Amino acid sequence: MTTATAKRPASVRLSARLNSALNEQARQLNTSKDALVRRAIVNMLEEIEDFKAVKARRNEPVFTLSEVKAELGL
């Protein structure tokens, strides 16, 4: 995902507490709330993709280092 593509509006309703925390983080990081939210969404989507990839491979066999070395003749 890139931020260079055309942006489409989206709206999110936040609790007063979450909005206040977001405002504070944006102020501390000298960035906008929009930028923080976009970054958080991108990070979460990447985490979901990583999780799905791990989940898809969880039934694959696992080998110890000594097993790998023995297989390779090391």
N, C-alpha and C. Protein backbone atom coordinates (compact mmCIF):
# COMPACT_ATOMS: atom_id res chain seq x y z
N MET A 1 0.83 -1.18 0.00
CA MET A 1 0.00 0.00 0.00
C MET A 1 0.87 1.24 0.00
N THR A 2 0.46 2.19 -0.77
CA THR A 2 1.22 3.43 -0.78
C THR A 2 0.28 4.59 -0.47
N THR A 3 0.84 5.64 0.08
CA THR A 3 0.04 6.82 0.35
C THR A 3 0.03 7.74 -0.86
N ALA A 4 0.73 7.37 -1.93
CA ALA A 4 0.78 8.20 -3.13
C ALA A 4 -0.47 8.04 -3.98
N THR A 5 -1.27 7.02 -3.73
CA THR A 5 -2.48 6.82 -4.51
C THR A 5 -3.54 7.83 -4.08
N ALA A 6 -4.57 7.97 -4.91
CA ALA A 6 -5.63 8.93 -4.61
C ALA A 6 -6.28 8.59 -3.27
N LYS A 7 -6.53 9.60 -2.48
CA LYS A 7 -7.11 9.39 -1.15
C LYS A 7 -8.62 9.56 -1.24
N ARG A 8 -9.31 8.68 -0.55
CA ARG A 8 -10.76 8.74 -0.49
C ARG A 8 -11.15 9.06 0.94
N PRO A 9 -12.17 9.88 1.12
CA PRO A 9 -12.55 10.24 2.49
C PRO A 9 -13.17 9.06 3.24
N ALA A 10 -12.89 9.01 4.51
CA ALA A 10 -13.49 8.04 5.42
C ALA A 10 -13.68 8.74 6.75
N SER A 11 -14.66 8.33 7.47
CA SER A 11 -14.86 8.95 8.78
C SER A 11 -14.95 7.87 9.84
N VAL A 12 -14.46 8.23 11.01
CA VAL A 12 -14.45 7.31 12.14
C VAL A 12 -14.92 8.07 13.36
N ARG A 13 -15.78 7.45 14.11
CA ARG A 13 -16.23 8.07 15.36
C ARG A 13 -15.37 7.54 16.50
N LEU A 14 -14.79 8.47 17.26
CA LEU A 14 -13.93 8.12 18.36
C LEU A 14 -14.53 8.59 19.68
N SER A 15 -14.25 7.85 20.72
CA SER A 15 -14.66 8.31 22.04
C SER A 15 -13.86 9.57 22.37
N ALA A 16 -14.35 10.35 23.30
CA ALA A 16 -13.65 11.57 23.70
C ALA A 16 -12.25 11.22 24.21
N ARG A 17 -12.13 10.14 24.95
CA ARG A 17 -10.84 9.73 25.50
C ARG A 17 -9.85 9.35 24.39
N LEU A 18 -10.32 8.57 23.42
CA LEU A 18 -9.45 8.16 22.32
C LEU A 18 -9.08 9.36 21.45
N ASN A 19 -10.02 10.23 21.20
CA ASN A 19 -9.74 11.44 20.42
C ASN A 19 -8.71 12.31 21.11
N SER A 20 -8.83 12.45 22.43
CA SER A 20 -7.88 13.24 23.20
C SER A 20 -6.48 12.62 23.13
N ALA A 21 -6.41 11.30 23.27
CA ALA A 21 -5.12 10.61 23.19
C ALA A 21 -4.51 10.77 21.80
N LEU A 22 -5.34 10.68 20.78
CA LEU A 22 -4.86 10.85 19.40
C LEU A 22 -4.34 12.27 19.19
N ASN A 23 -5.08 13.26 19.68
CA ASN A 23 -4.63 14.65 19.58
C ASN A 23 -3.28 14.83 20.26
N GLU A 24 -3.13 14.25 21.45
CA GLU A 24 -1.89 14.40 22.20
C GLU A 24 -0.71 13.75 21.47
N GLN A 25 -0.93 12.56 20.94
CA GLN A 25 0.15 11.88 20.19
C GLN A 25 0.52 12.67 18.94
N ALA A 26 -0.48 13.17 18.24
CA ALA A 26 -0.21 13.96 17.03
C ALA A 26 0.61 15.20 17.39
N ARG A 27 0.25 15.83 18.50
CA ARG A 27 0.99 17.02 18.94
C ARG A 27 2.43 16.65 19.29
N GLN A 28 2.60 15.56 20.06
CA GLN A 28 3.94 15.16 20.48
C GLN A 28 4.82 14.75 19.29
N LEU A 29 4.22 14.14 18.29
CA LEU A 29 4.97 13.68 17.13
C LEU A 29 5.03 14.73 16.02
N ASN A 30 4.39 15.86 16.27
CA ASN A 30 4.36 16.95 15.29
C ASN A 30 3.83 16.48 13.94
N THR A 31 2.70 15.80 13.99
CA THR A 31 2.05 15.30 12.78
C THR A 31 0.55 15.48 12.93
N SER A 32 -0.19 15.12 11.91
CA SER A 32 -1.64 15.26 11.97
C SER A 32 -2.29 13.98 12.48
N LYS A 33 -3.51 14.13 12.97
CA LYS A 33 -4.27 12.95 13.38
C LYS A 33 -4.51 12.06 12.17
N ASP A 34 -4.79 12.64 11.02
CA ASP A 34 -5.00 11.85 9.80
C ASP A 34 -3.80 10.97 9.51
N ALA A 35 -2.59 11.56 9.61
CA ALA A 35 -1.38 10.79 9.33
C ALA A 35 -1.22 9.64 10.32
N LEU A 36 -1.50 9.89 11.59
CA LEU A 36 -1.40 8.83 12.60
C LEU A 36 -2.39 7.71 12.33
N VAL A 37 -3.61 8.08 12.01
CA VAL A 37 -4.64 7.07 11.75
C VAL A 37 -4.30 6.27 10.50
N ARG A 38 -3.87 6.93 9.44
CA ARG A 38 -3.47 6.21 8.23
C ARG A 38 -2.34 5.24 8.52
N ARG A 39 -1.32 5.69 9.25
CA ARG A 39 -0.19 4.84 9.59
C ARG A 39 -0.65 3.64 10.43
N ALA A 40 -1.54 3.88 11.38
CA ALA A 40 -2.05 2.80 12.23
C ALA A 40 -2.82 1.78 11.40
N ILE A 41 -3.61 2.24 10.45
CA ILE A 41 -4.39 1.33 9.61
C ILE A 41 -3.46 0.50 8.73
N VAL A 42 -2.48 1.14 8.12
CA VAL A 42 -1.52 0.41 7.28
C VAL A 42 -0.79 -0.64 8.11
N ASN A 43 -0.32 -0.24 9.30
CA ASN A 43 0.39 -1.18 10.17
C ASN A 43 -0.50 -2.37 10.55
N MET A 44 -1.75 -2.10 10.88
CA MET A 44 -2.66 -3.18 11.28
C MET A 44 -2.93 -4.11 10.10
N LEU A 45 -3.14 -3.57 8.91
CA LEU A 45 -3.37 -4.42 7.74
C LEU A 45 -2.15 -5.29 7.44
N GLU A 46 -0.95 -4.73 7.61
CA GLU A 46 0.26 -5.53 7.41
C GLU A 46 0.37 -6.63 8.47
N GLU A 47 0.01 -6.32 9.71
CA GLU A 47 0.03 -7.33 10.77
C GLU A 47 -0.95 -8.45 10.48
N ILE A 48 -2.12 -8.11 9.97
CA ILE A 48 -3.13 -9.12 9.63
C ILE A 48 -2.60 -10.03 8.53
N GLU A 49 -1.97 -9.46 7.51
CA GLU A 49 -1.40 -10.25 6.43
C GLU A 49 -0.30 -11.17 6.95
N ASP A 50 0.54 -10.65 7.83
CA ASP A 50 1.60 -11.48 8.43
C ASP A 50 1.00 -12.63 9.22
N PHE A 51 -0.03 -12.35 10.00
CA PHE A 51 -0.68 -13.38 10.80
C PHE A 51 -1.28 -14.45 9.90
N LYS A 52 -1.93 -14.03 8.82
CA LYS A 52 -2.51 -15.01 7.91
C LYS A 52 -1.44 -15.88 7.27
N ALA A 53 -0.29 -15.30 6.94
CA ALA A 53 0.80 -16.07 6.35
C ALA A 53 1.34 -17.10 7.34
N VAL A 54 1.50 -16.69 8.59
CA VAL A 54 1.98 -17.62 9.62
C VAL A 54 0.96 -18.72 9.85
N LYS A 55 -0.30 -18.34 9.93
CA LYS A 55 -1.36 -19.31 10.16
C LYS A 55 -1.41 -20.35 9.03
N ALA A 56 -1.20 -19.91 7.80
CA ALA A 56 -1.23 -20.81 6.65
C ALA A 56 -0.09 -21.82 6.70
N ARG A 57 1.00 -21.46 7.37
CA ARG A 57 2.18 -22.34 7.41
C ARG A 57 2.33 -23.08 8.74
N ARG A 58 1.38 -22.94 9.64
CA ARG A 58 1.56 -23.50 10.98
C ARG A 58 1.60 -25.02 11.01
N ASN A 59 1.13 -25.69 10.00
CA ASN A 59 1.14 -27.15 9.98
C ASN A 59 2.35 -27.72 9.26
N GLU A 60 3.24 -26.85 8.80
CA GLU A 60 4.45 -27.31 8.15
C GLU A 60 5.39 -27.90 9.20
N PRO A 61 6.21 -28.87 8.81
CA PRO A 61 7.13 -29.47 9.79
C PRO A 61 8.15 -28.47 10.30
N VAL A 62 8.59 -28.69 11.51
CA VAL A 62 9.60 -27.85 12.14
C VAL A 62 10.84 -28.71 12.38
N PHE A 63 12.00 -28.17 12.06
CA PHE A 63 13.25 -28.90 12.22
C PHE A 63 14.17 -28.15 13.17
N THR A 64 14.88 -28.92 13.99
CA THR A 64 15.88 -28.31 14.86
C THR A 64 17.12 -27.99 14.04
N LEU A 65 17.98 -27.16 14.60
CA LEU A 65 19.22 -26.81 13.93
C LEU A 65 20.07 -28.06 13.70
N SER A 66 20.13 -28.92 14.68
CA SER A 66 20.94 -30.14 14.52
C SER A 66 20.37 -31.04 13.42
N GLU A 67 19.06 -31.08 13.27
CA GLU A 67 18.45 -31.87 12.19
C GLU A 67 18.81 -31.28 10.82
N VAL A 68 18.79 -29.99 10.72
CA VAL A 68 19.13 -29.31 9.46
C VAL A 68 20.60 -29.56 9.13
N LYS A 69 21.46 -29.42 10.14
CA LYS A 69 22.88 -29.66 9.92
C LYS A 69 23.13 -31.10 9.48
N ALA A 70 22.46 -32.05 10.12
CA ALA A 70 22.63 -33.45 9.74
C ALA A 70 22.16 -33.69 8.32
N GLU A 71 21.05 -33.09 7.95
CA GLU A 71 20.51 -33.25 6.59
C GLU A 71 21.49 -32.68 5.56
N LEU A 72 22.16 -31.59 5.92
CA LEU A 72 23.10 -30.94 5.01
C LEU A 72 24.51 -31.52 5.12
N GLY A 73 24.70 -32.44 6.04
CA GLY A 73 26.01 -33.02 6.23
C GLY A 73 27.02 -32.10 6.86
N LEU A 74 26.55 -31.25 7.71
CA LEU A 74 27.46 -30.28 8.38
C LEU A 74 27.81 -30.73 9.78
